[in-house]
């Protein structure tokens, strides 16, 4: 082996050793980062415990035309996760992803009267929200179609009047609701229509922006727009002191000359 070949072998060996050393240095922080990431826990999702209807846990629904009287009893005796609120959801199909929140009630409440929008059949669930992110759910219970028809039904759109107009710069929202005791009127918007269960427990539609919350049943509000070229839809969640909830929307903001 001549001197040139020996020098070449020495250089190659040194390069391979350096590469091995650099590889060992770069792997270690990655391992530590991975281990650290394993230690982070995401916040727990709401766990739904279905309560079976029996002689102790009951749910009933009696329909009288447009109105449905709901009553329930859920035994949480001995459960560490006592209820802090009750929510009632209603679905026109029996599917919960198409359900609407119709009431948010005190945990001691055992009955509620709901106003239906039409003569069709509906399904109800009663959900008891626990202090530790637990949901105790009973239902569904179904009410049949109103065979007498819906000629005398009250149209909520007529009672809760809303006008939404826009320019390129802003949207003007006007509403005129019946005189009542309101717990909160929450208004939100999005640049697209949200089809499944429009409002979350926080009061805003999923993937939407909260615009304003108010107690005024008759008022107006100017919402400044970030993008004059985008379309906007609005939702109203109207919560009465009684716990009943009325949802309106989506309502598209239209130009006045359209």
Protein backbone atom coordinates (compact mmCIF):
# COMPACT_ATOMS: atom_id res chain seq x y z
CA UNK A 1 0.00 0.00 0.00
CA UNK A 2 1.52 3.27 -1.09
CA UNK A 3 1.48 6.52 0.92
CA UNK A 4 -1.32 8.09 -1.15
CA UNK A 5 -3.64 5.13 -0.52
CA UNK A 6 -2.89 5.20 3.24
CA UNK A 7 -3.69 8.93 3.41
CA UNK A 8 -6.95 8.34 1.56
CA UNK A 9 -7.98 5.56 3.99
CA UNK A 10 -7.18 7.79 6.99
CA UNK A 11 -9.34 10.61 5.59
CA UNK A 12 -12.27 8.26 4.87
CA UNK A 13 -12.04 6.74 8.38
CA UNK A 14 -12.03 10.20 9.98
CA UNK A 15 -15.04 11.27 7.96
CA UNK A 16 -17.01 8.14 8.91
CA UNK A 17 -16.17 8.61 12.60
CA UNK A 18 -17.28 12.25 12.50
CA UNK A 19 -20.56 11.32 10.82
CA UNK A 20 -21.25 8.69 13.49
CA UNK A 21 -20.53 11.20 16.25
CA UNK A 22 -22.82 13.84 14.73
CA UNK A 23 -25.59 11.25 14.30
CA UNK A 24 -25.41 10.27 17.99
CA UNK A 25 -25.58 13.96 18.98
CA UNK A 26 -28.61 14.76 16.84
CA UNK A 27 -30.64 11.69 17.88
CA UNK A 28 -30.51 12.36 21.61
CA UNK A 29 -32.44 15.64 21.69
CA UNK A 30 -35.08 14.09 19.45
CA UNK A 31 -35.51 11.21 21.88
CA UNK A 32 -35.79 13.63 24.79
CA UNK A 33 -38.31 15.77 22.91
CA UNK A 34 -40.38 12.71 22.10
CA UNK A 35 -40.29 11.60 25.69
CA UNK A 36 -41.28 15.07 26.82
CA UNK A 37 -44.17 15.16 24.40
CA UNK A 38 -45.47 11.89 25.83
CA UNK A 39 -45.65 13.55 29.22
CA UNK A 40 -48.10 16.21 27.97
CA UNK A 41 -51.74 15.25 28.37
CA UNK A 42 -54.48 16.77 26.26
CA UNK A 43 -57.54 17.99 28.14
CA UNK A 44 -60.06 15.18 28.69
CA UNK A 45 -63.04 15.08 26.36
CA UNK A 46 -66.55 15.01 27.76
CA UNK A 47 -67.45 11.45 28.67
CA UNK A 48 -71.08 10.55 28.05
CA UNK A 49 -72.57 7.92 30.36
CA UNK A 50 -75.90 6.66 29.08
CA UNK A 51 -78.43 6.19 31.86
CA UNK A 52 -80.85 3.35 31.15
CA UNK A 53 -84.49 4.19 31.65
CA UNK A 54 -85.97 1.91 34.32
CA UNK A 55 -88.05 2.16 37.48
CA UNK A 56 -85.46 4.50 39.05
CA UNK A 57 -84.39 6.54 36.01
CA UNK A 58 -87.30 7.78 33.93
CA UNK A 59 -87.99 10.12 31.02
CA UNK A 60 -91.37 10.93 29.54
CA UNK A 61 -92.70 13.24 26.82
CA UNK A 62 -96.35 14.14 26.27
CA UNK A 63 -97.32 16.10 23.19
CA UNK A 64 -100.25 18.52 23.04
CA UNK A 65 -100.17 20.05 19.57
CA UNK A 66 -97.16 22.35 19.30
CA UNK A 67 -96.10 21.85 22.91
CA UNK A 68 -94.29 18.93 24.50
CA UNK A 69 -94.18 18.44 28.28
CA UNK A 70 -90.99 16.65 29.29
CA UNK A 71 -90.39 15.12 32.72
CA UNK A 72 -87.47 13.07 34.00
CA UNK A 73 -85.71 11.64 37.01
CA UNK A 74 -82.10 10.49 37.00
CA UNK A 75 -80.67 8.87 40.13
CA UNK A 76 -77.08 10.01 40.72
CA UNK A 77 -76.98 8.87 44.35
CA UNK A 78 -73.46 7.93 45.35
CA UNK A 79 -72.00 9.46 42.18
CA UNK A 80 -69.07 11.77 42.92
CA UNK A 81 -69.78 13.74 39.76
CA UNK A 82 -73.00 15.53 40.78
CA UNK A 83 -74.88 17.45 38.08
CA UNK A 84 -74.27 21.20 37.83
CA UNK A 85 -76.61 21.87 34.88
CA UNK A 86 -79.21 20.18 32.70
CA UNK A 87 -79.43 20.48 28.92
CA UNK A 88 -82.25 19.28 26.71
CA UNK A 89 -81.57 18.58 23.05
CA UNK A 90 -84.10 17.87 20.32
CA UNK A 91 -83.62 16.14 16.98
CA UNK A 92 -85.99 15.85 13.99
CA UNK A 93 -84.29 12.64 12.84
CA UNK A 94 -83.27 10.77 16.00
CA UNK A 95 -79.61 11.56 15.24
CA UNK A 96 -77.80 13.62 17.87
CA UNK A 97 -75.50 15.32 15.36
CA UNK A 98 -78.63 17.03 13.98
CA UNK A 99 -79.99 17.97 17.41
CA UNK A 100 -80.68 21.48 18.65
CA UNK A 101 -80.17 22.71 22.19
CA UNK A 102 -83.64 23.78 23.39
CA UNK A 103 -83.10 24.37 27.12
CA UNK A 104 -80.38 24.92 29.73
CA UNK A 105 -81.78 24.37 33.22
CA UNK A 106 -80.98 24.33 36.92
CA UNK A 107 -79.79 20.86 38.06
CA UNK A 108 -82.78 20.52 40.40
CA UNK A 109 -85.27 20.86 37.52
CA UNK A 110 -87.32 17.77 36.66
CA UNK A 111 -89.68 19.06 33.93
CA UNK A 112 -89.77 21.43 30.97
CA UNK A 113 -92.23 22.44 28.24
CA UNK A 114 -90.83 22.74 24.72
CA UNK A 115 -92.42 24.55 21.76
CA UNK A 116 -92.10 22.62 18.47
CA UNK A 117 -91.69 24.36 15.10
CA UNK A 118 -93.94 22.00 13.11
CA UNK A 119 -96.17 18.91 13.24
CA UNK A 120 -93.37 16.39 12.62
CA UNK A 121 -92.15 13.75 15.08
CA UNK A 122 -89.17 14.61 17.31
CA UNK A 123 -86.68 12.93 19.63
CA UNK A 124 -85.42 14.29 22.95
CA UNK A 125 -82.44 13.66 25.22
CA UNK A 126 -81.89 15.00 28.74
CA UNK A 127 -78.21 15.51 29.62
CA UNK A 128 -76.97 16.17 33.16
CA UNK A 129 -73.62 17.96 33.00
CA UNK A 130 -71.25 16.96 35.79
CA UNK A 131 -68.56 18.93 37.57
CA UNK A 132 -65.75 16.71 36.25
CA UNK A 133 -66.58 16.90 32.52
CA UNK A 134 -69.04 14.01 32.81
CA UNK A 135 -72.35 13.89 30.96
CA UNK A 136 -75.13 11.64 32.26
CA UNK A 137 -77.62 11.18 29.43
CA UNK A 138 -81.09 9.67 29.38
CA UNK A 139 -83.09 9.15 26.19
CA UNK A 140 -84.02 9.41 23.46
CA UNK A 141 -87.76 9.65 23.95
CA UNK A 142 -89.93 10.21 20.89
CA UNK A 143 -93.11 12.21 20.35
CA UNK A 144 -95.31 11.27 17.43
CA UNK A 145 -96.37 13.47 14.55
CA UNK A 146 -99.30 15.77 15.27
CA UNK A 147 -102.05 14.24 13.13
CA UNK A 148 -104.27 17.28 13.67
CA UNK A 149 -101.86 19.36 11.58
CA UNK A 150 -99.99 22.55 12.37
CA UNK A 151 -102.39 25.24 11.14
CA UNK A 152 -102.45 26.98 14.51
CA UNK A 153 -98.75 26.68 15.28
CA UNK A 154 -96.81 29.76 16.37
CA UNK A 155 -93.94 30.67 14.03
CA UNK A 156 -90.90 31.65 16.07
CA UNK A 157 -89.62 33.67 13.11
CA UNK A 158 -92.60 35.97 13.55
CA UNK A 159 -91.91 36.49 17.27
CA UNK A 160 -88.13 36.93 17.03
CA UNK A 161 -87.68 39.39 14.17
CA UNK A 162 -84.16 39.88 12.81
CA UNK A 163 -82.82 42.10 10.01
CA UNK A 164 -79.24 41.75 8.74
CA UNK A 165 -77.92 44.08 6.02
CA UNK A 166 -74.40 44.93 4.92
CA UNK A 167 -72.02 47.16 3.02
CA UNK A 168 -68.45 46.31 2.06
CA UNK A 169 -67.22 47.60 5.41
CA UNK A 170 -69.81 46.51 7.97
CA UNK A 171 -72.92 44.49 8.79
CA UNK A 172 -75.87 46.07 10.59
CA UNK A 173 -77.83 43.67 12.80
CA UNK A 174 -81.25 44.69 14.08
CA UNK A 175 -83.53 42.57 16.24
CA UNK A 176 -86.93 43.04 17.84
CA UNK A 177 -87.88 40.26 20.26
CA UNK A 178 -90.93 39.87 22.52
CA UNK A 179 -90.85 41.53 25.93
CA UNK A 180 -89.42 38.83 28.17
CA UNK A 181 -86.74 38.14 30.76
CA UNK A 182 -83.58 37.20 28.85
CA UNK A 183 -80.61 35.46 30.39
CA UNK A 184 -78.38 36.19 27.38
CA UNK A 185 -78.67 36.82 23.65
CA UNK A 186 -75.51 35.55 21.92
CA UNK A 187 -74.75 36.49 18.30
CA UNK A 188 -72.06 34.80 16.23
CA UNK A 189 -70.96 34.77 12.62
CA UNK A 190 -69.03 32.62 10.16
CA UNK A 191 -67.97 32.88 6.53
CA UNK A 192 -69.69 29.57 5.73
CA UNK A 193 -72.85 27.71 6.76
CA UNK A 194 -72.50 25.33 9.70
CA UNK A 195 -75.00 22.52 9.25
CA UNK A 196 -74.57 20.27 12.29
CA UNK A 197 -75.71 21.30 15.79
CA UNK A 198 -75.18 25.02 15.35
CA UNK A 199 -74.35 26.00 18.93
CA UNK A 200 -71.94 24.47 21.42
CA UNK A 201 -72.23 24.59 25.20
CA UNK A 202 -70.11 27.73 25.17
CA UNK A 203 -72.85 29.48 23.23
CA UNK A 204 -71.08 29.88 19.89
CA UNK A 205 -71.42 27.90 16.67
CA UNK A 206 -68.52 25.57 16.02
CA UNK A 207 -65.77 27.29 13.98
CA UNK A 208 -67.56 30.63 14.29
CA UNK A 209 -66.69 33.97 15.85
CA UNK A 210 -68.60 35.50 18.74
CA UNK A 211 -69.88 38.95 17.75
CA UNK A 212 -71.69 40.24 20.82
CA UNK A 213 -73.69 39.13 23.88
CA UNK A 214 -76.50 41.27 25.24
CA UNK A 215 -79.61 41.33 27.41
CA UNK A 216 -81.45 43.79 25.16
CA UNK A 217 -84.42 42.22 23.40
CA UNK A 218 -84.75 45.14 20.97
CA UNK A 219 -81.56 46.71 19.69
CA UNK A 220 -79.05 46.94 16.85
CA UNK A 221 -75.32 46.33 16.44
CA UNK A 222 -72.72 47.21 13.80
CA UNK A 223 -70.24 44.44 13.03
CA UNK A 224 -67.11 45.64 11.20
CA UNK A 225 -65.87 43.28 8.49
CA UNK A 226 -62.28 42.25 7.87
CA UNK A 227 -62.85 41.02 4.31
CA UNK A 228 -65.27 42.98 2.09
CA UNK A 229 -65.24 40.22 -0.53
CA UNK A 230 -66.39 37.43 1.80
CA UNK A 231 -69.95 36.30 2.53
CA UNK A 232 -71.13 36.18 6.15
CA UNK A 233 -73.82 34.25 7.99
CA UNK A 234 -75.12 34.98 11.50
CA UNK A 235 -76.63 32.94 14.30
CA UNK A 236 -78.66 34.07 17.33
CA UNK A 237 -78.91 31.96 20.47
CA UNK A 238 -81.62 33.46 22.66
CA UNK A 239 -81.68 32.14 26.22
CA UNK A 240 -84.64 33.06 28.40
CA UNK A 241 -84.61 33.22 32.20
CA UNK A 242 -86.88 30.17 32.17
CA UNK A 243 -84.02 28.19 30.61
CA UNK A 244 -85.70 27.85 27.21
CA UNK A 245 -83.44 28.49 24.22
CA UNK A 246 -84.45 29.78 20.80
CA UNK A 247 -81.93 29.53 17.96
CA UNK A 248 -82.19 31.55 14.76
CA UNK A 249 -79.90 31.13 11.80
CA UNK A 250 -78.04 30.84 9.62
CA UNK A 251 -79.08 34.24 8.25
CA UNK A 252 -76.97 35.64 5.43
CA UNK A 253 -75.95 39.32 5.50
CA UNK A 254 -77.28 40.80 2.27
CA UNK A 255 -76.60 44.11 0.53
CA UNK A 256 -79.50 46.52 0.83
CA UNK A 257 -80.01 46.79 -2.94
CA UNK A 258 -80.31 43.03 -3.37
